[in-house]
N, C-alpha and C. Protein backbone atom coordinates (compact mmCIF):
# COMPACT_ATOMS: atom_id res chain seq x y z
N UNK A 1 -10.71 37.34 -3.72
CA UNK A 1 -10.51 36.42 -2.62
C UNK A 1 -9.99 35.09 -3.18
N UNK A 2 -8.91 34.61 -2.60
CA UNK A 2 -8.31 33.37 -3.09
C UNK A 2 -9.06 32.16 -2.55
N UNK A 3 -9.05 31.14 -3.35
CA UNK A 3 -9.69 29.90 -2.94
C UNK A 3 -8.60 28.94 -2.46
N UNK A 4 -8.51 28.74 -1.15
CA UNK A 4 -7.51 27.86 -0.57
C UNK A 4 -7.98 26.42 -0.47
N UNK A 5 -9.22 26.16 -0.85
CA UNK A 5 -9.73 24.80 -0.77
C UNK A 5 -9.00 23.87 -1.71
N UNK A 6 -8.50 24.39 -2.83
CA UNK A 6 -7.80 23.56 -3.79
C UNK A 6 -6.53 22.99 -3.18
N UNK A 7 -5.78 23.80 -2.43
CA UNK A 7 -4.55 23.31 -1.81
C UNK A 7 -4.86 22.24 -0.78
N UNK A 8 -5.93 22.41 -0.05
CA UNK A 8 -6.30 21.42 0.96
C UNK A 8 -6.70 20.12 0.28
N UNK A 9 -7.46 20.20 -0.80
CA UNK A 9 -7.87 18.99 -1.52
C UNK A 9 -6.68 18.27 -2.11
N UNK A 10 -5.74 19.01 -2.66
CA UNK A 10 -4.55 18.38 -3.24
C UNK A 10 -3.75 17.67 -2.17
N UNK A 11 -3.62 18.29 -1.00
CA UNK A 11 -2.87 17.67 0.09
C UNK A 11 -3.56 16.41 0.59
N UNK A 12 -4.90 16.44 0.67
CA UNK A 12 -5.65 15.28 1.14
C UNK A 12 -5.58 14.15 0.12
N UNK A 13 -5.61 14.47 -1.14
CA UNK A 13 -5.58 13.44 -2.17
C UNK A 13 -4.23 12.75 -2.28
N UNK A 14 -3.21 13.29 -1.66
CA UNK A 14 -1.93 12.60 -1.62
C UNK A 14 -0.93 13.07 -2.65
N UNK A 15 -1.24 14.10 -3.40
CA UNK A 15 -0.29 14.57 -4.41
C UNK A 15 0.93 15.20 -3.78
N UNK A 16 0.79 15.82 -2.61
CA UNK A 16 1.92 16.48 -1.98
C UNK A 16 2.46 15.70 -0.80
N UNK A 17 1.90 14.54 -0.53
CA UNK A 17 2.40 13.76 0.59
C UNK A 17 3.69 13.07 0.18
N UNK A 18 4.54 12.79 1.14
CA UNK A 18 5.79 12.10 0.85
C UNK A 18 6.94 13.02 0.53
N UNK A 19 6.81 14.31 0.77
CA UNK A 19 7.93 15.20 0.46
C UNK A 19 9.09 14.96 1.40
N UNK A 20 8.81 14.54 2.63
CA UNK A 20 9.88 14.20 3.56
C UNK A 20 10.61 12.93 3.15
N UNK A 21 9.86 12.00 2.54
CA UNK A 21 10.48 10.77 2.07
C UNK A 21 11.49 11.05 0.98
N UNK A 22 11.20 12.00 0.10
CA UNK A 22 12.13 12.32 -0.98
C UNK A 22 13.46 12.80 -0.44
N UNK A 23 13.43 13.65 0.56
CA UNK A 23 14.69 14.16 1.09
C UNK A 23 15.46 13.07 1.82
N UNK A 24 14.76 12.15 2.49
CA UNK A 24 15.44 11.04 3.16
C UNK A 24 16.09 10.12 2.13
N UNK A 25 15.38 9.81 1.06
CA UNK A 25 15.93 8.94 0.03
C UNK A 25 17.14 9.58 -0.63
N UNK A 26 17.05 10.88 -0.93
CA UNK A 26 18.18 11.58 -1.54
C UNK A 26 19.38 11.58 -0.60
N UNK A 27 19.15 11.73 0.69
CA UNK A 27 20.24 11.72 1.66
C UNK A 27 20.90 10.34 1.72
N UNK A 28 20.10 9.29 1.72
CA UNK A 28 20.65 7.93 1.77
C UNK A 28 21.45 7.63 0.51
N UNK A 29 20.95 8.06 -0.65
CA UNK A 29 21.68 7.86 -1.90
C UNK A 29 23.03 8.56 -1.85
N UNK A 30 23.04 9.80 -1.38
CA UNK A 30 24.29 10.56 -1.28
C UNK A 30 25.25 9.90 -0.31
N UNK A 31 24.75 9.42 0.83
CA UNK A 31 25.61 8.75 1.80
C UNK A 31 26.22 7.47 1.22
N UNK A 32 25.40 6.67 0.53
CA UNK A 32 25.93 5.43 -0.04
C UNK A 32 26.99 5.71 -1.10
N UNK A 33 26.75 6.69 -1.96
CA UNK A 33 27.75 7.02 -2.97
C UNK A 33 29.01 7.59 -2.33
N UNK A 34 28.85 8.38 -1.28
CA UNK A 34 30.01 8.93 -0.58
C UNK A 34 30.82 7.87 0.13
N UNK A 35 30.12 6.95 0.81
CA UNK A 35 30.83 5.85 1.47
C UNK A 35 31.53 4.97 0.44
N UNK A 36 30.86 4.74 -0.69
CA UNK A 36 31.49 3.93 -1.74
C UNK A 36 32.76 4.57 -2.26
N UNK A 37 32.71 5.87 -2.49
CA UNK A 37 33.92 6.57 -2.96
C UNK A 37 35.01 6.53 -1.90
N UNK A 38 34.64 6.68 -0.64
CA UNK A 38 35.63 6.62 0.44
C UNK A 38 36.27 5.25 0.56
N UNK A 39 35.45 4.21 0.45
CA UNK A 39 36.01 2.85 0.51
C UNK A 39 36.93 2.59 -0.67
N UNK A 40 36.55 3.08 -1.85
CA UNK A 40 37.41 2.87 -3.02
C UNK A 40 38.73 3.62 -2.87
N UNK A 41 38.69 4.81 -2.29
CA UNK A 41 39.93 5.55 -2.07
C UNK A 41 40.84 4.86 -1.06
N UNK A 42 40.26 4.11 -0.13
CA UNK A 42 41.05 3.37 0.85
C UNK A 42 41.39 1.96 0.38
N UNK A 43 41.13 1.68 -0.88
CA UNK A 43 41.44 0.39 -1.52
C UNK A 43 40.67 -0.77 -0.89
N UNK A 44 39.49 -0.50 -0.38
CA UNK A 44 38.60 -1.56 0.09
C UNK A 44 37.59 -1.79 -1.04
N UNK A 45 38.01 -2.56 -2.03
CA UNK A 45 37.28 -2.66 -3.29
C UNK A 45 35.91 -3.30 -3.12
N UNK A 46 35.82 -4.35 -2.30
CA UNK A 46 34.55 -5.06 -2.17
C UNK A 46 33.48 -4.19 -1.55
N UNK A 47 33.78 -3.55 -0.43
CA UNK A 47 32.78 -2.70 0.22
C UNK A 47 32.51 -1.44 -0.60
N UNK A 48 33.53 -0.95 -1.30
CA UNK A 48 33.33 0.23 -2.14
C UNK A 48 32.39 -0.02 -3.29
N UNK A 49 32.61 -1.13 -4.00
CA UNK A 49 31.72 -1.44 -5.12
C UNK A 49 30.32 -1.80 -4.63
N UNK A 50 30.24 -2.44 -3.46
CA UNK A 50 28.93 -2.78 -2.90
C UNK A 50 28.14 -1.52 -2.56
N UNK A 51 28.77 -0.56 -1.90
CA UNK A 51 28.08 0.67 -1.54
C UNK A 51 27.71 1.49 -2.77
N UNK A 52 28.62 1.54 -3.75
CA UNK A 52 28.32 2.29 -4.98
C UNK A 52 27.16 1.65 -5.74
N UNK A 53 27.15 0.32 -5.85
CA UNK A 53 26.07 -0.36 -6.55
C UNK A 53 24.73 -0.16 -5.84
N UNK A 54 24.74 -0.23 -4.52
CA UNK A 54 23.49 0.00 -3.78
C UNK A 54 23.01 1.43 -3.97
N UNK A 55 23.92 2.40 -3.98
CA UNK A 55 23.53 3.79 -4.20
C UNK A 55 22.97 4.01 -5.59
N UNK A 56 23.60 3.41 -6.59
CA UNK A 56 23.12 3.55 -7.97
C UNK A 56 21.77 2.88 -8.15
N UNK A 57 21.60 1.68 -7.60
CA UNK A 57 20.31 0.99 -7.70
C UNK A 57 19.21 1.76 -6.97
N UNK A 58 19.51 2.30 -5.81
CA UNK A 58 18.52 3.09 -5.08
C UNK A 58 18.15 4.35 -5.86
N UNK A 59 19.13 4.96 -6.54
CA UNK A 59 18.86 6.13 -7.37
C UNK A 59 17.95 5.76 -8.54
N UNK A 60 18.20 4.62 -9.17
CA UNK A 60 17.36 4.19 -10.29
C UNK A 60 15.94 3.87 -9.83
N UNK A 61 15.81 3.25 -8.66
CA UNK A 61 14.48 2.96 -8.11
C UNK A 61 13.75 4.26 -7.80
N UNK A 62 14.49 5.25 -7.28
CA UNK A 62 13.89 6.55 -6.98
C UNK A 62 13.37 7.21 -8.26
N UNK A 63 14.17 7.18 -9.33
CA UNK A 63 13.73 7.78 -10.60
C UNK A 63 12.53 7.04 -11.17
N UNK A 64 12.53 5.72 -11.09
CA UNK A 64 11.42 4.94 -11.60
C UNK A 64 10.14 5.22 -10.82
N UNK A 65 10.24 5.31 -9.50
CA UNK A 65 9.05 5.58 -8.70
C UNK A 65 8.53 6.99 -8.95
N UNK A 66 9.44 7.93 -9.21
CA UNK A 66 9.02 9.30 -9.53
C UNK A 66 8.26 9.33 -10.86
N UNK A 67 8.74 8.55 -11.83
CA UNK A 67 8.07 8.49 -13.13
C UNK A 67 6.69 7.85 -13.00
N UNK A 68 6.59 6.80 -12.18
CA UNK A 68 5.31 6.14 -11.97
C UNK A 68 4.33 7.08 -11.28
N UNK A 69 4.79 7.83 -10.28
CA UNK A 69 3.92 8.78 -9.58
C UNK A 69 3.44 9.89 -10.50
N UNK A 70 4.29 10.33 -11.43
CA UNK A 70 3.89 11.40 -12.35
C UNK A 70 2.83 10.92 -13.33
N UNK A 71 2.85 9.64 -13.68
CA UNK A 71 1.89 9.12 -14.65
C UNK A 71 0.55 8.77 -14.01
N UNK A 72 0.48 8.72 -12.70
CA UNK A 72 -0.78 8.34 -12.05
C UNK A 72 -1.62 9.53 -11.76
């Protein structure tokens, strides 16, 4: 007989919470990088570099927060 209490405890403790947030953040990063590439292709340099920089910074923040969560 399997013990399902462990899965419930892990979910309550917050280890598996936030999985929806990860997909939203990944989608926003992809959109920003895509918009940045589109703006650069249309020679709108200011908005293109702005969107690309925001996408890259958001990606770095995502990686840093993932590393912090793994260490806790």
